[in-house]
Protein backbone atom coordinates (compact mmCIF):
# COMPACT_ATOMS: atom_id res chain seq x y z
CA UNK A 1 -20.20 30.87 6.30
CA UNK A 2 -19.61 29.68 2.88
CA UNK A 3 -17.02 32.24 2.28
CA UNK A 4 -15.11 30.18 5.60
CA UNK A 5 -15.78 26.86 4.04
CA UNK A 6 -14.51 27.52 0.72
CA UNK A 7 -11.35 29.26 2.42
CA UNK A 8 -10.86 26.29 4.51
CA UNK A 9 -11.34 23.88 1.52
CA UNK A 10 -8.48 25.32 -0.78
CA UNK A 11 -6.19 25.54 2.26
CA UNK A 12 -6.81 21.86 3.27
CA UNK A 13 -6.44 21.01 -0.62
CA UNK A 14 -3.23 23.13 -0.89
CA UNK A 15 -1.97 21.03 2.55
CA UNK A 16 -2.51 18.29 0.69
CA UNK A 17 -0.83 19.01 -2.49
CA UNK A 18 1.92 20.45 -0.22
CA UNK A 19 2.34 17.16 1.45
CA UNK A 20 2.08 14.64 -1.66
CA UNK A 21 4.74 17.05 -3.34
CA UNK A 22 7.22 16.83 -0.79
CA UNK A 23 6.51 12.87 -0.29
CA UNK A 24 10.04 11.00 -0.40
CA UNK A 25 9.51 8.85 -3.01
CA UNK A 26 7.53 11.26 -5.29
CA UNK A 27 10.11 13.98 -4.86
CA UNK A 28 12.99 10.59 -5.47
CA UNK A 29 10.77 9.87 -8.73
CA UNK A 30 10.87 13.75 -10.03
CA UNK A 31 14.64 13.66 -9.36
CA UNK A 32 15.03 10.06 -11.43
CA UNK A 33 13.36 11.56 -14.06
CA UNK A 34 15.14 14.71 -14.07
CA UNK A 35 18.36 13.61 -13.58
CA UNK A 36 18.66 10.00 -14.06
CA UNK A 37 22.25 9.38 -14.33
CA UNK A 38 23.14 11.09 -11.64
CA UNK A 39 20.56 10.05 -9.44
CA UNK A 40 21.25 6.36 -9.75
CA UNK A 41 25.20 7.17 -9.23
CA UNK A 42 24.90 8.82 -5.81
CA UNK A 43 22.14 6.19 -5.27
CA UNK A 44 24.59 3.04 -6.13
CA UNK A 45 27.32 4.98 -4.31
CA UNK A 46 25.57 5.39 -0.63
CA UNK A 47 24.24 1.26 -0.91
CA UNK A 48 27.47 0.82 -2.33
CA UNK A 49 28.77 2.67 1.59
CA UNK A 50 25.89 0.84 3.46
CA UNK A 51 27.08 -2.49 2.49
CA UNK A 52 30.82 -2.15 3.01
CA UNK A 53 29.42 -0.77 7.03
CA UNK A 54 26.81 -4.32 7.35
CA UNK A 55 30.15 -6.29 5.89
CA UNK A 56 32.90 -4.74 8.56
CA UNK A 57 30.10 -4.93 11.30
CA UNK A 58 29.12 -8.23 10.57
CA UNK A 59 33.25 -9.77 10.39
CA UNK A 60 35.39 -7.47 12.10
CA UNK A 61 36.87 -8.92 15.36
CA UNK A 62 36.11 -7.02 18.94
CA UNK A 63 38.13 -4.22 18.84
CA UNK A 64 39.61 -3.78 15.54
CA UNK A 65 38.93 -0.06 14.46
CA UNK A 66 36.82 0.82 11.55
CA UNK A 67 37.98 0.61 8.47
CA UNK A 68 36.42 4.01 7.37
CA UNK A 69 39.14 4.16 4.63
CA UNK A 70 37.28 1.13 2.73
CA UNK A 71 34.00 2.32 3.07
CA UNK A 72 34.59 5.41 1.27
CA UNK A 73 36.48 3.56 -1.53
CA UNK A 74 33.66 1.62 -1.35
CA UNK A 75 31.47 4.81 -1.50
CA UNK A 76 33.44 6.19 -4.38
CA UNK A 77 33.48 3.06 -6.75
CA UNK A 78 29.31 2.50 -6.74
CA UNK A 79 29.25 6.66 -7.24
CA UNK A 80 31.54 7.26 -10.21
CA UNK A 81 32.08 3.78 -11.50
CA UNK A 82 29.78 0.87 -11.11
CA UNK A 83 26.77 3.10 -10.74
CA UNK A 84 26.99 4.97 -14.06
CA UNK A 85 28.19 1.62 -16.14
CA UNK A 86 24.73 -0.06 -14.90
CA UNK A 87 22.52 3.17 -15.98
CA UNK A 88 24.27 2.63 -19.17
CA UNK A 89 24.14 -1.39 -19.31
CA UNK A 90 20.64 -1.63 -18.45
CA UNK A 91 18.87 1.07 -20.79
CA UNK A 92 20.84 -0.72 -23.40
CA UNK A 93 19.62 -4.21 -22.46
CA UNK A 94 16.37 -2.78 -22.63
CA UNK A 95 16.84 -0.90 -26.04
CA UNK A 96 18.09 -4.15 -27.24
CA UNK A 97 15.85 -6.79 -26.59
CA UNK A 98 12.74 -3.75 -26.73
CA UNK A 99 13.60 -2.30 -29.88
CA UNK A 100 16.15 -4.78 -32.05
CA UNK A 101 14.80 -8.21 -30.98
CA UNK A 102 11.57 -7.39 -30.55
CA UNK A 103 10.43 -9.10 -27.57
CA UNK A 104 7.82 -8.81 -24.75
CA UNK A 105 6.89 -10.41 -21.35
CA UNK A 106 8.55 -12.65 -19.62
CA UNK A 107 10.85 -14.13 -23.37
CA UNK A 108 12.17 -10.55 -22.72
CA UNK A 109 13.05 -11.07 -19.01
CA UNK A 110 14.54 -14.06 -19.64
CA UNK A 111 17.06 -12.87 -22.31
CA UNK A 112 18.10 -9.44 -20.89
CA UNK A 113 18.88 -11.79 -17.91
CA UNK A 114 21.00 -14.00 -20.19
CA UNK A 115 22.47 -10.96 -21.29
CA UNK A 116 22.92 -9.55 -17.79
CA UNK A 117 24.40 -12.73 -15.99
CA UNK A 118 26.42 -14.74 -18.84
CA UNK A 119 27.66 -12.47 -21.71
CA UNK A 120 29.79 -9.29 -20.79
CA UNK A 121 27.92 -7.51 -17.76
CA UNK A 122 28.54 -9.65 -14.83
CA UNK A 123 32.21 -11.14 -15.11
CA UNK A 124 33.30 -7.30 -16.34
CA UNK A 125 31.75 -6.26 -13.22
CA UNK A 126 33.35 -8.35 -10.82
CA UNK A 127 36.73 -7.95 -12.33
CA UNK A 128 36.41 -4.24 -12.29
CA UNK A 129 35.09 -4.14 -8.94
CA UNK A 130 38.30 -7.03 -6.94
CA UNK A 131 40.74 -4.82 -9.41
CA UNK A 132 39.22 -1.15 -8.29
CA UNK A 133 38.53 -1.54 -4.98
CA UNK A 134 42.40 -2.32 -4.08
CA UNK A 135 43.57 0.48 -6.09
CA UNK A 136 41.19 2.91 -4.57
CA UNK A 137 42.18 2.01 -0.77
CA UNK A 138 46.16 2.75 -1.98
CA UNK A 139 47.70 -0.91 -2.65
CA UNK A 140 49.29 -1.93 -6.26
CA UNK A 141 48.42 -3.30 -8.84
CA UNK A 142 50.37 -6.78 -7.86
CA UNK A 143 47.81 -7.42 -5.08
CA UNK A 144 44.57 -6.19 -7.16
CA UNK A 145 45.83 -8.75 -10.13
CA UNK A 146 45.65 -11.21 -7.35
CA UNK A 147 42.48 -10.06 -5.47
CA UNK A 148 40.83 -11.31 -8.97
CA UNK A 149 42.61 -14.03 -9.34
CA UNK A 150 41.60 -15.56 -5.97
CA UNK A 151 38.11 -14.41 -5.51
CA UNK A 152 36.45 -13.95 -9.19
CA UNK A 153 35.80 -17.85 -9.90
CA UNK A 154 33.92 -18.15 -5.90
CA UNK A 155 31.71 -15.05 -6.53
CA UNK A 156 30.75 -15.81 -9.82
CA UNK A 157 29.54 -19.13 -8.04
CA UNK A 158 27.71 -17.48 -5.97
CA UNK A 159 26.17 -14.87 -7.81
CA UNK A 160 24.74 -17.13 -10.57
CA UNK A 161 22.97 -19.08 -7.52
CA UNK A 162 21.49 -15.85 -6.77
CA UNK A 163 21.12 -13.30 -9.17
CA UNK A 164 19.34 -14.96 -12.22
CA UNK A 165 16.37 -15.52 -10.48
CA UNK A 166 16.60 -12.29 -8.84
CA UNK A 167 16.99 -10.16 -12.63
CA UNK A 168 14.32 -12.14 -14.00
CA UNK A 169 11.45 -10.61 -11.20
CA UNK A 170 13.30 -7.44 -11.87
CA UNK A 171 12.78 -7.63 -15.92
CA UNK A 172 9.95 -9.03 -15.41
CA UNK A 173 8.05 -6.62 -13.31
CA UNK A 174 9.73 -3.84 -12.53
CA UNK A 175 9.93 -0.49 -15.38
CA UNK A 176 13.65 0.22 -16.90
CA UNK A 177 13.84 3.50 -14.57
CA UNK A 178 14.00 1.89 -11.21
CA UNK A 179 15.47 -1.83 -12.12
CA UNK A 180 18.57 -0.80 -10.59
CA UNK A 181 17.49 0.64 -7.55
CA UNK A 182 15.62 -2.62 -7.23
CA UNK A 183 19.07 -4.51 -7.95
CA UNK A 184 20.79 -2.23 -5.35
CA UNK A 185 18.45 -3.00 -2.51
CA UNK A 186 19.16 -6.44 -3.20
CA UNK A 187 22.55 -5.70 -3.30
CA UNK A 188 22.73 -4.20 0.11
CA UNK A 189 23.15 -8.15 0.75
CA UNK A 190 25.80 -9.00 -2.02
CA UNK A 191 28.12 -5.80 -1.20
CA UNK A 192 27.97 -6.98 2.03
CA UNK A 193 28.97 -10.50 1.01
CA UNK A 194 31.48 -8.91 -1.87
CA UNK A 195 32.97 -6.81 0.84
CA UNK A 196 33.70 -9.71 3.25
CA UNK A 197 34.71 -12.24 0.37
CA UNK A 198 37.20 -9.93 -0.66
CA UNK A 199 38.84 -9.45 2.79
CA UNK A 200 38.61 -12.95 4.30
CA UNK A 201 40.65 -14.69 1.38
């Protein structure tokens, strides 16, 4: 009887370990720890693609065909351009504020937000998006430049109404390894807005 109980206990313990080992969040965190750049890039690409799908579903007129080329371009941009750049950007500002400025807590979060939103990153990221997406869709550089000229300032104005608060919360409470993921979840709505905005003007 003791042997049977012992065997059942071991089997039950193994099944619990098996379930924990293959839980989606555990699996994702293991992959993220092992290959952060690759995992973040793939996640970014997927969410950029989903954001574009949402934008098309919301904005396209009844009967208009779905533009899969546009969704493909958004996915490529997120995977190979924005995802890697955002990974290095977030790691840099964490290193800079923590190791060089010796900040912590809310002060560190505020300084990170200022660097993220009001120095190089946000203007550059939006210019890159507005310029690169038309090129990935097969348009010429003249169209891409006009897209930046028409949309950059309106997008930045809306950006600064949303993202400073989001990033203060993100930088205050989320480990740096997951900060891009939190930003990307908010970006489902934001990318939908960007995609809609750049096609409606």
